[in-house]
Amino acid sequence: MTDLESVQVADGFSVSVPQLKDALFSEIHFIYHEVFVERDYLKHGIRLSDSARIVDIGANVGMFSLFVMQECPGARILAFEPIPAIHQALLENLDSHGAKDVQVVRAALGRRPEERVRFTYYPGLPGNSTRYPEQKKLNKELIAEQMGHEAVNRIMGGVEVEAEVRRLSDELRDWAPEGPIDLLKIDVEGAELEVMEGLDTSDWQRVRQCVIEVQDLDGRLDAVLGVLDAQGFTVTTESAVNIPEVLRASMVYATRERAQ
């Protein structure tokens, strides 16, 4: 079990995080600001009703799920988080804030099921934890430039953990076998396309909206846009707010009038 620390991110609002460090302290405040203040997931026509069904892929410590439950108390959420320490904080936060209609799965999502996959967990910067640590080169270079090379190991020193990978369509069969999926939120640090490839065409047609964070390496942004276009979405893209341009982070918003 990982020791959890409580961090106050706003007046009267605290969340649990694993292994509090200075860098993590900044990160959780950044995430709170992104989700609750900037309301980054409700832009460009993204709307949620009180009966919305939402899939939170890359749930982290639960900030987006908590935001949804505040905005839409009648919503149902299926949340995925593969990193053990972060998953533990997620469960604690949902419980302490009374978010009862969130079903949590400790797994990642991909194009096919895999029982034991190596992930890199960054205790100093948990939101960057990933299956693909080689893609964090730009992040490390930015830290070295701004804070010095000695800070890189402190902030981006990784710990290997194992997690299961599942297919999204397989998970939906148990959670919501029919009817619309009002929003897919995807923030998975390099595995966006694999998550999308794990959704069958019949399930894509149930999805009404998507919000996807994409770091544009090796043409990934164009590939994500291509999948969404092929599935009939209207797409808006903008640079991620408050993230340095050098990291090439974009927010992708996809909507359609109704599930087909």
Protein backbone atom coordinates (compact mmCIF):
# COMPACT_ATOMS: atom_id res chain seq x y z
CA MET A 1 0.00 0.00 0.00
CA THR A 2 1.19 3.51 -0.86
CA ASP A 3 1.07 6.26 1.74
CA LEU A 4 -1.35 8.97 0.63
CA GLU A 5 -1.14 12.67 1.39
CA SER A 6 -4.08 15.07 1.46
CA VAL A 7 -3.60 18.26 -0.55
CA GLN A 8 -5.94 21.24 -0.43
CA VAL A 9 -6.37 22.43 -4.02
CA ALA A 10 -9.12 24.99 -3.33
CA ASP A 11 -11.07 26.32 -0.39
CA GLY A 12 -12.94 23.40 1.11
CA PHE A 13 -11.67 20.96 -1.52
CA SER A 14 -8.85 18.49 -0.85
CA VAL A 15 -7.69 15.38 -2.67
CA SER A 16 -5.37 12.50 -1.84
CA VAL A 17 -2.21 11.98 -3.84
CA PRO A 18 0.58 9.38 -3.56
CA GLN A 19 3.96 10.27 -2.07
CA LEU A 20 3.76 14.03 -1.84
CA LYS A 21 6.72 15.84 -3.39
CA ASP A 22 7.21 19.43 -4.49
CA ALA A 23 6.76 18.58 -8.15
CA LEU A 24 3.65 16.52 -7.47
CA PHE A 25 2.25 19.31 -5.32
CA SER A 26 2.48 21.64 -8.33
CA GLU A 27 1.04 19.02 -10.66
CA ILE A 28 -2.14 18.38 -8.68
CA HIS A 29 -2.84 22.10 -8.50
CA PHE A 30 -2.25 22.33 -12.25
CA ILE A 31 -4.73 19.50 -12.88
CA TYR A 32 -7.33 21.08 -10.60
CA HIS A 33 -6.99 24.39 -12.44
CA GLU A 34 -7.21 22.67 -15.83
CA VAL A 35 -10.35 20.71 -14.95
CA PHE A 36 -12.31 22.87 -12.51
CA VAL A 37 -11.23 26.42 -13.33
CA GLU A 38 -10.41 26.38 -17.05
CA ARG A 39 -13.09 23.69 -17.58
CA ASP A 40 -10.97 22.29 -20.39
CA TYR A 41 -13.23 19.27 -20.92
CA LEU A 42 -16.38 21.30 -21.57
CA LYS A 43 -15.26 23.37 -24.55
CA HIS A 44 -16.10 23.46 -28.25
CA GLY A 45 -19.61 22.08 -27.97
CA ILE A 46 -18.93 19.34 -25.40
CA ARG A 47 -22.06 19.09 -23.22
CA LEU A 48 -23.12 16.68 -20.52
CA SER A 49 -26.56 15.96 -19.14
CA ASP A 50 -27.38 14.76 -15.64
CA SER A 51 -27.92 11.25 -17.01
CA ALA A 52 -24.68 11.13 -19.00
CA ARG A 53 -22.62 7.96 -19.34
CA ILE A 54 -18.92 8.78 -19.42
CA VAL A 55 -15.75 6.75 -19.82
CA ASP A 56 -12.75 8.32 -18.06
CA ILE A 57 -9.66 6.70 -19.58
CA GLY A 58 -6.53 7.69 -17.70
CA ALA A 59 -8.45 8.76 -14.62
CA ASN A 60 -5.36 9.66 -12.56
CA VAL A 61 -6.41 10.54 -8.99
CA GLY A 62 -9.98 11.25 -10.12
CA MET A 63 -10.10 14.99 -10.73
CA PHE A 64 -12.16 14.73 -13.92
CA SER A 65 -14.55 12.18 -12.42
CA LEU A 66 -15.06 14.43 -9.37
CA PHE A 67 -15.70 17.39 -11.67
CA VAL A 68 -18.34 15.43 -13.58
CA MET A 69 -20.08 14.34 -10.40
CA GLN A 70 -20.18 17.97 -9.27
CA GLU A 71 -21.59 19.17 -12.58
CA CYS A 72 -23.88 16.20 -13.27
CA PRO A 73 -24.71 14.32 -10.04
CA GLY A 74 -26.79 11.75 -11.92
CA ALA A 75 -24.01 10.77 -14.34
CA ARG A 76 -22.46 7.30 -14.48
CA ILE A 77 -18.72 6.94 -15.02
CA LEU A 78 -16.47 4.03 -15.95
CA ALA A 79 -12.91 5.01 -14.93
CA PHE A 80 -9.62 3.33 -15.86
CA GLU A 81 -6.29 3.86 -14.09
CA PRO A 82 -3.48 1.27 -14.37
CA ILE A 83 -0.80 2.62 -11.98
CA PRO A 84 -1.24 1.02 -8.51
CA ALA A 85 -0.33 4.05 -6.37
CA ILE A 86 -2.46 6.41 -8.45
CA HIS A 87 -5.33 3.91 -8.51
CA GLN A 88 -5.25 3.80 -4.70
CA ALA A 89 -5.52 7.60 -4.53
CA LEU A 90 -8.35 7.51 -7.08
CA LEU A 91 -10.39 5.12 -4.93
CA GLU A 92 -9.74 7.23 -1.82
CA ASN A 93 -10.85 10.42 -3.54
CA LEU A 94 -14.04 8.97 -4.97
CA ASP A 95 -14.95 7.54 -1.59
CA SER A 96 -14.15 10.68 0.41
CA HIS A 97 -16.16 12.86 -1.97
CA GLY A 98 -19.13 10.50 -2.11
CA ALA A 99 -18.83 9.71 -5.83
CA LYS A 100 -20.83 6.47 -5.76
CA ASP A 101 -21.70 6.09 -9.45
CA VAL A 102 -18.09 5.68 -10.61
CA GLN A 103 -16.96 2.16 -11.43
CA VAL A 104 -13.16 1.91 -11.27
CA VAL A 105 -11.00 -0.58 -13.15
CA ARG A 106 -7.26 -0.91 -12.43
CA ALA A 107 -6.22 -1.48 -16.00
CA ALA A 108 -5.02 0.33 -19.09
CA LEU A 109 -6.81 0.11 -22.42
CA GLY A 110 -5.35 -0.98 -25.73
CA ARG A 111 -5.99 -2.63 -29.06
CA ARG A 112 -5.87 -6.13 -27.54
CA PRO A 113 -5.92 -7.73 -24.07
CA GLU A 114 -2.53 -8.22 -22.39
CA GLU A 115 -2.11 -9.65 -18.91
CA ARG A 116 1.17 -8.13 -17.71
CA VAL A 117 2.51 -4.96 -19.28
CA ARG A 118 5.31 -2.75 -17.98
CA PHE A 119 4.48 0.86 -17.24
CA THR A 120 6.74 3.60 -15.89
CA TYR A 121 5.39 5.42 -12.86
CA TYR A 122 6.90 8.81 -12.04
CA PRO A 123 6.40 9.46 -8.28
CA GLY A 124 7.52 13.08 -8.78
CA LEU A 125 5.15 13.70 -11.69
CA PRO A 126 2.45 10.99 -11.63
CA GLY A 127 0.35 12.45 -14.43
CA ASN A 128 3.15 11.66 -16.88
CA SER A 129 3.23 7.94 -16.00
CA THR A 130 3.18 5.95 -19.20
CA ARG A 131 3.64 2.70 -21.06
CA TYR A 132 6.08 4.52 -23.34
CA PRO A 133 8.77 6.28 -21.26
CA GLU A 134 10.91 6.82 -24.36
CA GLN A 135 8.35 9.43 -25.42
CA LYS A 136 9.18 11.61 -22.39
CA LYS A 137 12.41 12.92 -23.92
CA LEU A 138 10.96 16.39 -24.54
CA ASN A 139 9.67 16.61 -20.97
CA LYS A 140 13.11 15.75 -19.58
CA GLU A 141 14.83 18.26 -21.85
CA LEU A 142 12.43 20.99 -20.71
CA ILE A 143 13.04 20.22 -17.02
CA ALA A 144 16.80 20.21 -17.58
CA GLU A 145 16.59 23.58 -19.34
CA GLN A 146 14.42 25.20 -16.68
CA MET A 147 15.67 23.56 -13.47
CA GLY A 148 19.00 21.92 -14.26
CA HIS A 149 20.03 18.36 -15.04
CA GLU A 150 20.01 17.26 -11.40
CA ALA A 151 16.26 17.96 -11.28
CA VAL A 152 15.51 15.50 -14.09
CA ASN A 153 16.10 12.38 -12.01
CA ARG A 154 14.22 13.84 -9.05
CA ILE A 155 11.16 14.75 -11.07
CA MET A 156 11.25 12.18 -13.88
CA GLY A 157 12.87 9.30 -12.05
CA GLY A 158 10.72 6.34 -13.06
CA VAL A 159 9.65 3.17 -11.26
CA GLU A 160 8.54 0.14 -13.28
CA VAL A 161 5.13 -1.32 -12.41
CA GLU A 162 2.93 -3.90 -14.10
CA ALA A 163 -0.68 -3.59 -15.18
CA GLU A 164 -3.26 -5.40 -17.27
CA VAL A 165 -4.36 -4.01 -20.61
CA ARG A 166 -7.95 -4.53 -21.76
CA ARG A 167 -10.06 -3.61 -24.81
CA LEU A 168 -12.63 -0.88 -24.35
CA SER A 169 -15.36 -2.72 -26.28
CA ASP A 170 -14.93 -5.73 -24.00
CA GLU A 171 -15.37 -3.50 -20.94
CA LEU A 172 -18.45 -1.79 -22.35
CA ARG A 173 -20.22 -5.10 -22.79
CA ASP A 174 -20.49 -5.41 -19.00
CA TRP A 175 -20.92 -1.76 -18.07
CA ALA A 176 -23.17 -0.42 -20.84
CA PRO A 177 -23.96 -3.06 -23.47
CA GLU A 178 -26.33 -0.78 -25.39
CA GLY A 179 -27.38 2.84 -25.63
CA PRO A 180 -25.26 5.96 -26.04
CA ILE A 181 -21.89 6.70 -24.53
CA ASP A 182 -22.05 10.44 -23.99
CA LEU A 183 -18.33 11.11 -23.63
CA LEU A 184 -15.00 9.37 -24.03
CA LYS A 185 -12.28 11.26 -22.15
CA ILE A 186 -8.84 9.93 -23.09
CA ASP A 187 -5.60 11.06 -21.41
CA VAL A 188 -3.18 8.15 -21.64
CA GLU A 189 0.31 9.55 -22.26
CA GLY A 190 1.06 8.12 -25.67
CA ALA A 191 -1.44 5.24 -26.04
CA GLU A 192 -4.34 7.22 -27.53
CA LEU A 193 -4.47 5.36 -30.83
CA GLU A 194 -4.31 1.98 -29.12
CA VAL A 195 -7.26 2.89 -26.92
CA MET A 196 -9.22 3.97 -29.98
CA GLU A 197 -8.32 0.81 -31.88
CA GLY A 198 -9.81 -1.23 -29.04
CA LEU A 199 -13.28 0.13 -29.77
CA ASP A 200 -15.37 -1.82 -32.28
CA THR A 201 -17.16 0.05 -35.07
CA SER A 202 -20.55 -0.74 -33.55
CA ASP A 203 -19.44 0.86 -30.28
CA TRP A 204 -17.94 3.88 -32.02
CA GLN A 205 -21.40 4.59 -33.38
CA ARG A 206 -22.71 4.83 -29.81
CA VAL A 207 -20.16 7.48 -28.84
CA ARG A 208 -21.49 11.02 -28.99
CA GLN A 209 -18.46 13.05 -27.89
CA CYS A 210 -14.74 12.66 -27.26
CA VAL A 211 -12.09 14.79 -25.57
CA ILE A 212 -8.57 13.50 -26.14
CA GLU A 213 -5.22 14.90 -25.02
CA VAL A 214 -2.56 14.14 -27.62
CA GLN A 215 1.17 14.80 -27.66
CA ASP A 216 1.94 15.16 -31.34
CA LEU A 217 4.91 12.87 -31.83
CA ASP A 218 5.47 10.86 -35.02
CA GLY A 219 2.26 12.11 -36.65
CA ARG A 220 0.05 10.94 -33.79
CA LEU A 221 -2.29 13.94 -33.88
CA ASP A 222 -3.10 13.44 -37.56
CA ALA A 223 -3.69 9.74 -36.94
CA VAL A 224 -6.13 10.47 -34.11
CA LEU A 225 -7.95 13.02 -36.26
CA GLY A 226 -8.13 10.48 -39.07
CA VAL A 227 -9.87 7.93 -36.84
CA LEU A 228 -12.39 10.48 -35.61
CA ASP A 229 -13.10 11.73 -39.13
CA ALA A 230 -13.67 8.17 -40.36
CA GLN A 231 -16.19 7.68 -37.53
CA GLY A 232 -18.18 10.76 -38.55
CA PHE A 233 -17.20 13.28 -35.87
CA THR A 234 -16.85 17.02 -36.23
CA VAL A 235 -13.48 17.84 -34.69
CA THR A 236 -11.89 20.94 -33.14
CA THR A 237 -8.26 21.01 -32.04
CA GLU A 238 -6.39 23.52 -29.89
CA SER A 239 -3.05 23.67 -28.16
CA ALA A 240 -3.30 22.52 -24.55
CA VAL A 241 -3.62 25.51 -22.24
CA ASN A 242 -0.68 26.27 -19.91
CA ILE A 243 1.53 23.50 -21.34
CA PRO A 244 4.77 24.68 -23.02
CA GLU A 245 4.54 24.60 -26.81
CA VAL A 246 7.72 22.55 -27.03
CA LEU A 247 5.80 19.55 -25.60
CA ARG A 248 3.40 19.61 -28.60
CA ALA A 249 0.32 18.90 -26.48
CA SER A 250 -3.09 19.33 -28.09
CA MET A 251 -6.68 18.94 -26.91
CA VAL A 252 -9.00 17.30 -29.42
CA TYR A 253 -12.76 17.83 -29.14
CA ALA A 254 -15.05 15.62 -31.21
CA THR A 255 -18.82 15.89 -31.42
CA ARG A 256 -21.76 14.72 -33.47
CA GLU A 257 -25.44 15.48 -33.24
CA ARG A 258 -26.48 11.98 -32.25
CA ALA A 259 -25.20 8.42 -32.07
CA GLN A 260 -25.93 6.56 -35.29
